Protein backbone atom coordinates (compact mmCIF):
# COMPACT_ATOMS: atom_id res chain seq x y z
CA UNK A 1 -17.63 4.18 -10.89
CA UNK A 2 -14.52 5.23 -8.99
CA UNK A 3 -13.20 3.07 -6.19
CA UNK A 4 -10.55 3.60 -3.56
CA UNK A 5 -7.32 1.60 -3.74
CA UNK A 6 -4.41 1.38 -1.32
CA UNK A 7 -1.22 1.69 -3.32
CA UNK A 8 1.39 -0.23 -1.39
CA UNK A 9 5.06 0.63 -0.95
CA UNK A 10 6.24 -1.48 -3.91
CA UNK A 11 3.93 0.50 -6.19
CA UNK A 12 5.18 3.85 -4.90
CA UNK A 13 8.82 2.81 -5.28
CA UNK A 14 8.19 1.79 -8.88
CA UNK A 15 6.19 4.95 -9.58
CA UNK A 16 8.91 7.20 -8.16
CA UNK A 17 11.59 5.36 -10.15
CA UNK A 18 9.54 5.58 -13.36
CA UNK A 19 8.97 9.30 -12.90
CA UNK A 20 12.58 10.00 -11.92
CA UNK A 21 13.94 8.21 -14.99
CA UNK A 22 11.13 9.42 -17.25
CA UNK A 23 10.58 5.79 -18.19
CA UNK A 24 6.93 4.71 -17.87
CA UNK A 25 6.51 1.20 -16.54
CA UNK A 26 3.93 -0.97 -14.76
CA UNK A 27 2.99 1.60 -12.10
CA UNK A 28 2.43 4.32 -14.70
CA UNK A 29 0.42 1.91 -16.88
CA UNK A 30 -1.74 0.96 -13.88
CA UNK A 31 -2.51 4.65 -13.26
CA UNK A 32 -3.37 5.16 -16.94
CA UNK A 33 -5.68 2.13 -16.90
CA UNK A 34 -7.44 3.25 -13.68
CA UNK A 35 -7.75 7.03 -14.04
CA UNK A 36 -10.93 7.42 -11.97
CA UNK A 37 -9.84 5.41 -8.95
CA UNK A 38 -8.99 7.24 -5.74
CA UNK A 39 -5.50 6.21 -4.66
CA UNK A 40 -4.76 6.19 -0.94
CA UNK A 41 -1.94 5.13 1.35
CA UNK A 42 -1.62 4.34 5.03
CA UNK A 43 0.63 6.02 7.56
CA UNK A 44 2.67 2.82 7.55
CA UNK A 45 3.34 3.16 3.83
CA UNK A 46 4.44 6.77 4.27
CA UNK A 47 6.79 5.61 7.05
CA UNK A 48 8.25 2.83 4.92
CA UNK A 49 8.91 5.31 2.13
CA UNK A 50 10.54 7.75 4.57
CA UNK A 51 12.94 5.03 5.75
CA UNK A 52 14.59 4.99 2.35
CA UNK A 53 14.99 8.73 1.97
CA UNK A 54 17.82 10.88 3.32
CA UNK A 55 16.93 14.19 4.99
CA UNK A 56 17.76 16.00 1.76
CA UNK A 57 15.07 13.99 -0.08
CA UNK A 58 12.12 14.62 2.22
CA UNK A 59 10.68 17.43 0.08
CA UNK A 60 10.76 15.14 -2.98
CA UNK A 61 9.06 12.38 -0.98
CA UNK A 62 6.38 14.78 0.21
CA UNK A 63 5.70 15.78 -3.41
CA UNK A 64 5.38 12.11 -4.36
CA UNK A 65 2.94 11.39 -1.51
CA UNK A 66 0.95 14.64 -1.71
CA UNK A 67 -1.71 13.48 -4.22
CA UNK A 68 -2.72 10.47 -2.12
CA UNK A 69 -5.20 10.44 0.73
CA UNK A 70 -4.08 8.81 3.97
CA UNK A 71 -6.27 6.27 5.77
CA UNK A 72 -6.33 6.85 9.53
CA UNK A 73 -4.99 4.15 11.82
CA UNK A 74 -7.98 3.72 14.11
CA UNK A 75 -8.84 1.36 16.94
CA UNK A 76 -10.82 -0.71 14.42
CA UNK A 77 -7.66 -1.06 12.31
CA UNK A 78 -5.69 -2.11 15.40
CA UNK A 79 -8.25 -4.77 16.31
CA UNK A 80 -8.23 -6.03 12.72
CA UNK A 81 -4.41 -6.19 12.92
CA UNK A 82 -4.73 -8.49 15.94
CA UNK A 83 -7.19 -10.79 14.17
CA UNK A 84 -4.98 -11.05 11.09
CA UNK A 85 -1.84 -11.59 13.17
CA UNK A 86 -3.42 -14.41 15.18
CA UNK A 87 -4.73 -16.17 12.07
CA UNK A 88 -1.47 -15.91 10.11
CA UNK A 89 0.65 -16.84 13.12
CA UNK A 90 -1.52 -19.83 14.00
CA UNK A 91 -1.28 -21.07 10.42
CA UNK A 92 2.46 -20.49 9.85
CA UNK A 93 1.76 -17.74 7.30
CA UNK A 94 2.97 -14.64 9.13
CA UNK A 95 3.98 -11.60 7.08
CA UNK A 96 5.89 -8.51 8.21
CA UNK A 97 4.30 -6.20 10.77
CA UNK A 98 4.13 -3.23 8.38
CA UNK A 99 2.32 -5.38 5.83
CA UNK A 100 -0.04 -6.54 8.58
CA UNK A 101 -0.93 -2.90 9.31
CA UNK A 102 -1.53 -2.24 5.62
CA UNK A 103 -3.73 -5.34 5.32
CA UNK A 104 -5.62 -4.40 8.49
CA UNK A 105 -6.38 -0.94 7.11
CA UNK A 106 -7.45 -2.44 3.78
CA UNK A 107 -9.87 -4.85 5.44
CA UNK A 108 -11.22 -2.23 7.85
CA UNK A 109 -11.91 0.28 5.09
CA UNK A 110 -12.88 -2.43 2.55
CA UNK A 111 -10.25 -1.20 0.09
CA UNK A 112 -8.10 -3.40 -2.20
CA UNK A 113 -4.30 -3.33 -1.96
CA UNK A 114 -2.33 -2.67 -5.15
CA UNK A 115 1.09 -4.33 -4.86
CA UNK A 116 3.87 -6.23 -6.56
CA UNK A 117 3.80 -8.67 -3.61
CA UNK A 118 0.37 -10.12 -4.40
CA UNK A 119 1.17 -13.68 -3.24
CA UNK A 120 2.42 -12.28 0.06
CA UNK A 121 -0.77 -10.30 0.76
CA UNK A 122 -3.04 -13.09 -0.45
CA UNK A 123 -2.19 -14.98 2.74
CA UNK A 124 -4.64 -12.63 4.47
CA UNK A 125 -8.18 -14.04 4.25
CA UNK A 126 -10.77 -11.84 2.54
CA UNK A 127 -8.22 -9.22 1.48
CA UNK A 128 -8.71 -8.04 -2.09
CA UNK A 129 -5.28 -7.82 -3.73
CA UNK A 130 -4.49 -6.35 -7.14
CA UNK A 131 -1.15 -6.96 -8.83
CA UNK A 132 0.03 -4.17 -11.12
CA UNK A 133 2.93 -6.08 -12.66
């Protein structure tokens, strides 16, 4: 049965690098091992990717992101963000704000996060995290 997975920025960076160099690596292997899963991103992930791309590379970035659905940033996601922030802050475990948004979307939509930063995301209670490396 297919499941939805959020592919986090680290995954997309590796995937783009692997495709650009025609050198399959961990991101490509993960895709091959999970061919029926629906891969999605958040608006935050698209924004993080856009930060590293010059204006001349936007079309290439859009081609990379085109196959992936985008989870909407809703009020429920925002409220989840607040809950996660308070918990992590109160416990000295705070992660970056973009990663908080990604985790909030993952919890709201009940979707695992696929990342190379598994230990980082595992600070968030109840978040399902999959490492692809």
